[in-house]
Amino acid sequence: MQNKENEYVREARKRPDPCEWLQEQYDGAAGEEREKIQLAQKFLRCRNKQKRKA
């Protein structure tokens, strides 16, 4: 299995609200960085959080 952890996952874990921090980073990023952040969001189960709550 491929290791999906990257620098954004490691940094987000240090934050009180990792999902919010990753979203802020995603909003300000472009291109390849967005892909890395999106991967981190998936790894930390932040993507589509609204859908799971419904």
N, C-alpha and C. Protein backbone atom coordinates (compact mmCIF):
# COMPACT_ATOMS: atom_id res chain seq x y z
N MET A 1 0.85 -1.20 0.00
CA MET A 1 0.00 0.00 0.00
C MET A 1 0.88 1.25 0.00
N GLN A 2 0.47 2.20 -0.77
CA GLN A 2 1.22 3.44 -0.90
C GLN A 2 1.02 4.33 0.32
N ASN A 3 2.10 4.95 0.79
CA ASN A 3 2.01 5.88 1.91
C ASN A 3 1.47 7.22 1.41
N LYS A 4 0.31 7.61 1.87
CA LYS A 4 -0.35 8.83 1.38
C LYS A 4 -0.01 10.05 2.23
N GLU A 5 0.76 9.86 3.27
CA GLU A 5 1.08 10.98 4.15
C GLU A 5 2.08 11.91 3.46
N ASN A 6 1.83 13.22 3.57
CA ASN A 6 2.74 14.21 3.01
C ASN A 6 2.94 15.34 4.02
N GLU A 7 3.63 16.39 3.59
CA GLU A 7 3.95 17.49 4.52
C GLU A 7 2.69 18.18 5.05
N TYR A 8 1.63 18.20 4.26
CA TYR A 8 0.39 18.84 4.72
C TYR A 8 -0.29 18.01 5.81
N VAL A 9 -0.24 16.71 5.70
CA VAL A 9 -0.81 15.83 6.73
C VAL A 9 -0.06 16.04 8.04
N ARG A 10 1.27 16.03 7.95
CA ARG A 10 2.09 16.20 9.17
C ARG A 10 1.84 17.55 9.83
N GLU A 11 1.74 18.60 9.02
CA GLU A 11 1.51 19.94 9.58
C GLU A 11 0.09 20.07 10.14
N ALA A 12 -0.89 19.50 9.46
CA ALA A 12 -2.28 19.60 9.90
C ALA A 12 -2.49 18.92 11.24
N ARG A 13 -1.78 17.84 11.49
CA ARG A 13 -1.92 17.12 12.76
C ARG A 13 -1.51 17.97 13.96
N LYS A 14 -0.68 18.97 13.74
CA LYS A 14 -0.22 19.85 14.82
C LYS A 14 -1.27 20.92 15.17
N ARG A 15 -2.26 21.09 14.31
CA ARG A 15 -3.25 22.16 14.47
C ARG A 15 -4.44 21.68 15.29
N PRO A 16 -5.11 22.62 16.01
CA PRO A 16 -6.31 22.25 16.77
C PRO A 16 -7.45 21.77 15.87
N ASP A 17 -7.60 22.37 14.69
CA ASP A 17 -8.63 21.94 13.74
C ASP A 17 -7.95 21.70 12.39
N PRO A 18 -7.46 20.48 12.17
CA PRO A 18 -6.71 20.21 10.94
C PRO A 18 -7.52 20.40 9.67
N CYS A 19 -8.80 20.08 9.70
CA CYS A 19 -9.63 20.20 8.49
C CYS A 19 -9.79 21.67 8.08
N GLU A 20 -9.98 22.52 9.05
CA GLU A 20 -10.13 23.95 8.76
C GLU A 20 -8.82 24.52 8.21
N TRP A 21 -7.71 24.13 8.81
CA TRP A 21 -6.40 24.60 8.35
C TRP A 21 -6.14 24.15 6.92
N LEU A 22 -6.44 22.89 6.62
CA LEU A 22 -6.23 22.39 5.26
C LEU A 22 -7.11 23.12 4.26
N GLN A 23 -8.33 23.46 4.64
CA GLN A 23 -9.22 24.19 3.73
C GLN A 23 -8.66 25.58 3.44
N GLU A 24 -8.11 26.23 4.47
CA GLU A 24 -7.51 27.55 4.27
C GLU A 24 -6.32 27.45 3.31
N GLN A 25 -5.50 26.42 3.48
CA GLN A 25 -4.36 26.22 2.60
C GLN A 25 -4.82 25.94 1.17
N TYR A 26 -5.87 25.15 1.03
CA TYR A 26 -6.40 24.79 -0.28
C TYR A 26 -6.91 26.02 -1.02
N ASP A 27 -7.61 26.90 -0.29
CA ASP A 27 -8.17 28.11 -0.90
C ASP A 27 -7.09 29.02 -1.47
N GLY A 28 -5.91 29.03 -0.85
CA GLY A 28 -4.83 29.90 -1.30
C GLY A 28 -3.82 29.25 -2.21
N ALA A 29 -4.00 27.98 -2.52
CA ALA A 29 -3.01 27.24 -3.32
C ALA A 29 -3.43 27.13 -4.78
N ALA A 30 -2.50 26.66 -5.59
CA ALA A 30 -2.79 26.44 -7.01
C ALA A 30 -2.04 25.21 -7.50
N GLY A 31 -2.60 24.56 -8.50
CA GLY A 31 -1.92 23.49 -9.21
C GLY A 31 -1.56 22.28 -8.38
N GLU A 32 -0.28 21.94 -8.41
CA GLU A 32 0.23 20.74 -7.74
C GLU A 32 0.02 20.80 -6.23
N GLU A 33 0.14 21.99 -5.67
CA GLU A 33 -0.06 22.14 -4.22
C GLU A 33 -1.50 21.77 -3.83
N ARG A 34 -2.46 22.16 -4.66
CA ARG A 34 -3.87 21.80 -4.40
C ARG A 34 -4.05 20.29 -4.39
N GLU A 35 -3.37 19.60 -5.26
CA GLU A 35 -3.46 18.14 -5.31
C GLU A 35 -2.92 17.52 -4.02
N LYS A 36 -1.80 18.06 -3.53
CA LYS A 36 -1.21 17.56 -2.29
C LYS A 36 -2.16 17.80 -1.11
N ILE A 37 -2.76 18.99 -1.08
CA ILE A 37 -3.67 19.34 0.01
C ILE A 37 -4.92 18.47 -0.06
N GLN A 38 -5.41 18.24 -1.25
CA GLN A 38 -6.59 17.40 -1.43
C GLN A 38 -6.30 15.97 -0.95
N LEU A 39 -5.13 15.46 -1.24
CA LEU A 39 -4.72 14.14 -0.77
C LEU A 39 -4.67 14.11 0.76
N ALA A 40 -4.15 15.17 1.36
CA ALA A 40 -4.09 15.26 2.82
C ALA A 40 -5.51 15.31 3.41
N GLN A 41 -6.40 16.05 2.76
CA GLN A 41 -7.79 16.11 3.23
C GLN A 41 -8.44 14.73 3.19
N LYS A 42 -8.18 13.98 2.15
CA LYS A 42 -8.73 12.63 2.05
C LYS A 42 -8.13 11.73 3.12
N PHE A 43 -6.83 11.83 3.33
CA PHE A 43 -6.14 11.01 4.32
C PHE A 43 -6.69 11.26 5.72
N LEU A 44 -6.99 12.53 6.04
CA LEU A 44 -7.50 12.89 7.37
C LEU A 44 -9.02 12.89 7.44
N ARG A 45 -9.67 12.43 6.37
CA ARG A 45 -11.13 12.32 6.29
C ARG A 45 -11.82 13.68 6.43
N CYS A 46 -11.25 14.70 5.80
CA CYS A 46 -11.84 16.04 5.82
C CYS A 46 -12.68 16.31 4.58
N ARG A 47 -12.44 15.58 3.50
CA ARG A 47 -13.17 15.82 2.26
C ARG A 47 -14.61 15.36 2.42
N ASN A 48 -15.53 16.18 1.90
CA ASN A 48 -16.96 15.85 1.89
C ASN A 48 -17.52 15.56 3.28
N LYS A 49 -17.00 16.24 4.27
CA LYS A 49 -17.45 16.04 5.65
C LYS A 49 -18.93 16.38 5.81
N GLN A 50 -19.39 17.38 5.07
CA GLN A 50 -20.79 17.79 5.14
C GLN A 50 -21.71 16.66 4.68
N LYS A 51 -21.30 15.94 3.66
CA LYS A 51 -22.11 14.85 3.12
C LYS A 51 -22.26 13.71 4.14
N ARG A 52 -21.20 13.43 4.89
CA ARG A 52 -21.25 12.34 5.85
C ARG A 52 -22.12 12.68 7.05
N LYS A 53 -22.23 13.97 7.39
CA LYS A 53 -23.03 14.38 8.55
C LYS A 53 -24.53 14.27 8.27
N ALA A 54 -24.92 14.37 7.01
CA ALA A 54 -26.33 14.36 6.64
C ALA A 54 -26.99 13.01 6.84
